[in-house]
Amino acid sequence: MTPGKLQAFLAAFDALPLGAFNGTAAGRRYLVCRENLANGKSQKLVARELGGTDYISLNLYRLTSGAWLKPCEMPEEKVIRFVLALQVME
């Protein structure tokens, strides 16, 4: 991932609320849960499409050497596109 894309991803990820919320991405509705673990050094996001089969899962580690994105059994590009597109529903 390029440094610019990483910065855009991190900014979008950090703007998401902690806990469970509804959101939309690519015209689909999702139930999303974002949580901090290990005093924020590890973060997790899981999203399930409402009324569909799409599923997103990722871990993000904040290391002294930089952020490390670990998607769970899916391509990195899929989770990046999802987080960049995700809009929180009020």
C-alpha atoms as a PDB file:
ATOM      1  CA  MET A   1       0.000   0.000   0.000  1.00  0.00           C
ATOM      2  CA  THR A   2       1.354   3.410  -0.895  1.00  0.00           C
ATOM      3  CA  PRO A   3       1.982   5.906   1.941  1.00  0.00           C
ATOM      4  CA  GLY A   4      -0.766   8.204   0.633  1.00  0.00           C
ATOM      5  CA  LYS A   5      -3.307   5.395   0.488  1.00  0.00           C
ATOM      6  CA  LEU A   6      -2.312   4.267   3.980  1.00  0.00           C
ATOM      7  CA  GLN A   7      -2.820   7.787   5.348  1.00  0.00           C
ATOM      8  CA  ALA A   8      -6.251   8.042   3.682  1.00  0.00           C
ATOM      9  CA  PHE A   9      -7.220   4.629   5.074  1.00  0.00           C
ATOM     10  CA  LEU A  10      -6.062   5.511   8.604  1.00  0.00           C
ATOM     11  CA  ALA A  11      -7.904   8.844   8.531  1.00  0.00           C
ATOM     12  CA  ALA A  12     -11.128   7.146   7.396  1.00  0.00           C
ATOM     13  CA  PHE A  13     -10.722   4.328   9.940  1.00  0.00           C
ATOM     14  CA  ASP A  14     -10.028   6.725  12.819  1.00  0.00           C
ATOM     15  CA  ALA A  15     -13.109   8.788  11.937  1.00  0.00           C
ATOM     16  CA  LEU A  16     -15.374   5.776  12.526  1.00  0.00           C
ATOM     17  CA  PRO A  17     -17.072   5.559  15.931  1.00  0.00           C
ATOM     18  CA  LEU A  18     -16.190   2.871  18.429  1.00  0.00           C
ATOM     19  CA  GLY A  19     -18.837   0.252  19.125  1.00  0.00           C
ATOM     20  CA  ALA A  20     -21.653  -0.917  16.881  1.00  0.00           C
ATOM     21  CA  PHE A  21     -23.240   1.292  14.235  1.00  0.00           C
ATOM     22  CA  ASN A  22     -25.027   1.110  10.893  1.00  0.00           C
ATOM     23  CA  GLY A  23     -23.321   2.291   7.751  1.00  0.00           C
ATOM     24  CA  THR A  24     -23.434   2.232   3.975  1.00  0.00           C
ATOM     25  CA  ALA A  25     -20.760   1.453   1.405  1.00  0.00           C
ATOM     26  CA  ALA A  26     -21.115   0.880  -2.345  1.00  0.00           C
ATOM     27  CA  GLY A  27     -24.897   1.106  -2.101  1.00  0.00           C
ATOM     28  CA  ARG A  28     -25.164  -1.593   0.590  1.00  0.00           C
ATOM     29  CA  ARG A  29     -26.159  -1.328   4.268  1.00  0.00           C
ATOM     30  CA  TYR A  30     -23.943  -2.849   6.972  1.00  0.00           C
ATOM     31  CA  LEU A  31     -23.938  -3.455  10.690  1.00  0.00           C
ATOM     32  CA  VAL A  32     -20.406  -2.504  11.719  1.00  0.00           C
ATOM     33  CA  CYS A  33     -18.519  -3.013  14.971  1.00  0.00           C
ATOM     34  CA  ARG A  34     -15.221  -1.256  15.667  1.00  0.00           C
ATOM     35  CA  GLU A  35     -13.262  -1.897  18.857  1.00  0.00           C
ATOM     36  CA  ASN A  36      -9.958  -0.982  20.438  1.00  0.00           C
ATOM     37  CA  LEU A  37      -7.901  -3.688  22.146  1.00  0.00           C
ATOM     38  CA  ALA A  38      -4.612  -3.576  24.081  1.00  0.00           C
ATOM     39  CA  ASN A  39      -5.014   0.112  24.924  1.00  0.00           C
ATOM     40  CA  GLY A  40      -5.570   1.020  21.264  1.00  0.00           C
ATOM     41  CA  LYS A  41      -2.486  -0.769  19.969  1.00  0.00           C
ATOM     42  CA  SER A  42      -4.760  -3.275  18.251  1.00  0.00           C
ATOM     43  CA  GLN A  43      -8.047  -2.402  16.595  1.00  0.00           C
ATOM     44  CA  LYS A  44     -10.697  -4.595  15.013  1.00  0.00           C
ATOM     45  CA  LEU A  45     -13.481  -3.893  12.554  1.00  0.00           C
ATOM     46  CA  VAL A  46     -16.173  -6.361  11.517  1.00  0.00           C
ATOM     47  CA  ALA A  47     -19.037  -5.521   9.144  1.00  0.00           C
ATOM     48  CA  ARG A  48     -21.936  -7.681   8.011  1.00  0.00           C
ATOM     49  CA  GLU A  49     -24.138  -6.685   5.114  1.00  0.00           C
ATOM     50  CA  LEU A  50     -27.773  -6.289   6.174  1.00  0.00           C
ATOM     51  CA  GLY A  51     -29.963  -8.402   3.916  1.00  0.00           C
ATOM     52  CA  GLY A  52     -26.963  -9.747   2.001  1.00  0.00           C
ATOM     53  CA  THR A  53     -23.923 -11.970   2.287  1.00  0.00           C
ATOM     54  CA  ASP A  54     -20.985  -9.534   2.241  1.00  0.00           C
ATOM     55  CA  TYR A  55     -18.636  -9.665   5.207  1.00  0.00           C
ATOM     56  CA  ILE A  56     -15.632  -7.496   6.107  1.00  0.00           C
ATOM     57  CA  SER A  57     -13.154  -8.273   8.888  1.00  0.00           C
ATOM     58  CA  LEU A  58      -9.821  -6.687   9.679  1.00  0.00           C
ATOM     59  CA  ASN A  59      -7.285  -6.116  12.417  1.00  0.00           C
ATOM     60  CA  LEU A  60      -5.171  -2.983  12.527  1.00  0.00           C
ATOM     61  CA  TYR A  61      -2.035  -2.897  14.651  1.00  0.00           C
ATOM     62  CA  ARG A  62      -0.508   0.444  15.684  1.00  0.00           C
ATOM     63  CA  LEU A  63       3.182  -0.364  16.094  1.00  0.00           C
ATOM     64  CA  THR A  64       6.068   1.971  16.820  1.00  0.00           C
ATOM     65  CA  SER A  65       7.288   1.170  13.301  1.00  0.00           C
ATOM     66  CA  GLY A  66       3.899   2.189  11.830  1.00  0.00           C
ATOM     67  CA  ALA A  67       0.436   0.832  11.168  1.00  0.00           C
ATOM     68  CA  TRP A  68       0.046  -2.791  10.063  1.00  0.00           C
ATOM     69  CA  LEU A  69      -3.222  -3.813   8.390  1.00  0.00           C
ATOM     70  CA  LYS A  70      -4.188  -7.493   8.572  1.00  0.00           C
ATOM     71  CA  PRO A  71      -7.413  -8.360   6.747  1.00  0.00           C
ATOM     72  CA  CYS A  72      -9.054 -11.584   7.902  1.00  0.00           C
ATOM     73  CA  GLU A  73      -9.127 -14.061   5.015  1.00  0.00           C
ATOM     74  CA  MET A  74      -9.868 -11.485   2.314  1.00  0.00           C
ATOM     75  CA  PRO A  75      -7.826  -9.233   0.040  1.00  0.00           C
ATOM     76  CA  GLU A  76      -6.333  -6.101   1.577  1.00  0.00           C
ATOM     77  CA  GLU A  77      -7.792  -4.016  -1.252  1.00  0.00           C
ATOM     78  CA  LYS A  78     -11.342  -5.119  -0.326  1.00  0.00           C
ATOM     79  CA  VAL A  79     -11.070  -3.837   3.249  1.00  0.00           C
ATOM     80  CA  ILE A  80      -9.348  -0.626   2.140  1.00  0.00           C
ATOM     81  CA  ARG A  81     -12.104   0.123  -0.412  1.00  0.00           C
ATOM     82  CA  PHE A  82     -14.746  -0.656   2.213  1.00  0.00           C
ATOM     83  CA  VAL A  83     -13.318   1.630   4.908  1.00  0.00           C
ATOM     84  CA  LEU A  84     -12.744   4.470   2.428  1.00  0.00           C
ATOM     85  CA  ALA A  85     -16.355   4.185   1.177  1.00  0.00           C
ATOM     86  CA  LEU A  86     -18.065   3.575   4.528  1.00  0.00           C
ATOM     87  CA  GLN A  87     -20.513   6.258   5.618  1.00  0.00           C
ATOM     88  CA  VAL A  88     -21.944   6.151   9.130  1.00  0.00           C
ATOM     89  CA  MET A  89     -25.762   6.310   9.225  1.00  0.00           C
ATOM     90  CA  GLU A  90     -27.299   8.563  11.841  1.00  0.00           C
END
